[in-house]
Amino acid sequence: MKVLLSWLKDFVDIDVSVQKLADTLTMGGLEVEDIQPAAGDDYVLDIEVTPNRPDCLSIMGIARECAIGLNKTFIPHRLVFLPKTSSAYIN
């Protein structure tokens, strides 16, 4: 699974190097196979998710693991559900 570091930073205050983050995730059971630079100061982490970790098949799941490994707070995004009767609802 390819994950942008900037996506993870939307959920966790990551203040360590990308290599330290990769080591932390690997020690937590998610093998970071490769790190590639992306646009700007961003990086793409190629993470191997094992079959026993379906909770990590999303950005939020990986971000939770980052928060646990770095002893940081996970900041979930608030989801807004619109009722079908709302004028903002698109069918």
Protein backbone atom coordinates (compact mmCIF):
# COMPACT_ATOMS: atom_id res chain seq x y z
CA MET A 1 0.00 0.00 0.00
CA LYS A 2 1.45 3.36 -0.98
CA VAL A 3 0.93 6.16 1.54
CA LEU A 4 1.97 9.80 1.37
CA LEU A 5 3.61 11.16 4.50
CA SER A 6 1.46 14.30 4.19
CA TRP A 7 -1.69 12.14 4.43
CA LEU A 8 -0.47 10.64 7.69
CA LYS A 9 0.33 14.11 9.01
CA ASP A 10 -3.36 14.98 8.59
CA PHE A 11 -4.07 12.58 11.49
CA VAL A 12 -0.86 12.59 13.57
CA ASP A 13 1.69 15.27 14.48
CA ILE A 14 4.72 13.49 13.02
CA ASP A 15 7.90 15.26 14.08
CA VAL A 16 10.48 12.56 13.33
CA SER A 17 12.39 11.77 10.15
CA VAL A 18 10.72 9.62 7.53
CA GLN A 19 13.33 6.90 8.19
CA LYS A 20 12.54 6.91 11.93
CA LEU A 21 8.82 6.66 11.09
CA ALA A 22 9.52 3.73 8.75
CA ASP A 23 11.52 1.97 11.47
CA THR A 24 8.72 2.56 13.99
CA LEU A 25 6.09 1.13 11.64
CA THR A 26 8.30 -1.87 10.83
CA MET A 27 8.81 -2.57 14.55
CA GLY A 28 5.02 -2.38 14.93
CA GLY A 29 4.45 -5.14 12.37
CA LEU A 30 3.97 -3.11 9.18
CA GLU A 31 6.95 -3.58 6.89
CA VAL A 32 7.95 -0.41 5.06
CA GLU A 33 9.45 -1.81 1.85
CA ASP A 34 10.47 1.45 0.20
CA ILE A 35 10.57 5.20 0.69
CA GLN A 36 10.48 7.46 -2.36
CA PRO A 37 10.61 11.26 -2.46
CA ALA A 38 7.51 12.98 -3.79
CA ALA A 39 6.75 16.60 -4.66
CA GLY A 40 8.16 19.15 -2.24
CA ASP A 41 9.15 17.76 1.15
CA ASP A 42 6.75 14.81 0.88
CA TYR A 43 7.56 11.10 0.72
CA VAL A 44 5.75 7.98 -0.47
CA LEU A 45 5.98 5.02 1.89
CA ASP A 46 5.37 1.60 0.34
CA ILE A 47 3.94 -0.43 3.23
CA GLU A 48 3.36 -4.18 3.18
CA VAL A 49 0.20 -4.92 5.14
CA THR A 50 0.01 -8.53 6.30
CA PRO A 51 -3.29 -10.47 6.12
CA ASN A 52 -3.67 -10.41 9.91
CA ARG A 53 -3.79 -6.57 9.93
CA PRO A 54 -6.91 -5.58 7.95
CA ASP A 55 -7.24 -2.58 10.29
CA CYS A 56 -4.25 -1.08 8.48
CA LEU A 57 -5.75 -1.19 4.99
CA SER A 58 -6.61 2.50 5.15
CA ILE A 59 -4.80 5.78 5.75
CA MET A 60 -6.54 6.10 9.11
CA GLY A 61 -5.38 2.62 10.12
CA ILE A 62 -1.76 3.39 9.24
CA ALA A 63 -2.05 6.77 10.99
CA ARG A 64 -3.31 5.04 14.17
CA GLU A 65 -0.24 2.81 14.09
CA CYS A 66 1.97 5.89 13.66
CA ALA A 67 0.31 7.51 16.67
CA ILE A 68 0.82 4.40 18.81
CA GLY A 69 4.43 3.91 17.74
CA LEU A 70 5.38 7.56 18.23
CA ASN A 71 3.34 7.99 21.43
CA LYS A 72 1.30 10.77 19.81
CA THR A 73 -2.38 11.61 19.74
CA PHE A 74 -4.47 10.32 16.83
CA ILE A 75 -6.68 13.13 15.51
CA PRO A 76 -9.66 11.62 13.68
CA HIS A 77 -11.55 13.72 11.16
CA ARG A 78 -15.18 14.38 11.82
CA LEU A 79 -17.42 12.80 9.21
CA VAL A 80 -20.54 14.68 8.26
CA PHE A 81 -23.49 12.70 6.99
CA LEU A 82 -26.14 14.56 5.05
CA PRO A 83 -29.73 13.40 5.19
CA LYS A 84 -31.34 12.75 1.82
CA THR A 85 -33.74 15.59 2.54
CA SER A 86 -30.89 18.12 2.72
CA SER A 87 -30.48 20.54 -0.19
CA ALA A 88 -26.72 19.75 -0.11
CA TYR A 89 -27.36 16.04 -0.77
CA ILE A 90 -26.36 15.00 -4.27
CA ASN A 91 -28.14 11.99 -5.71
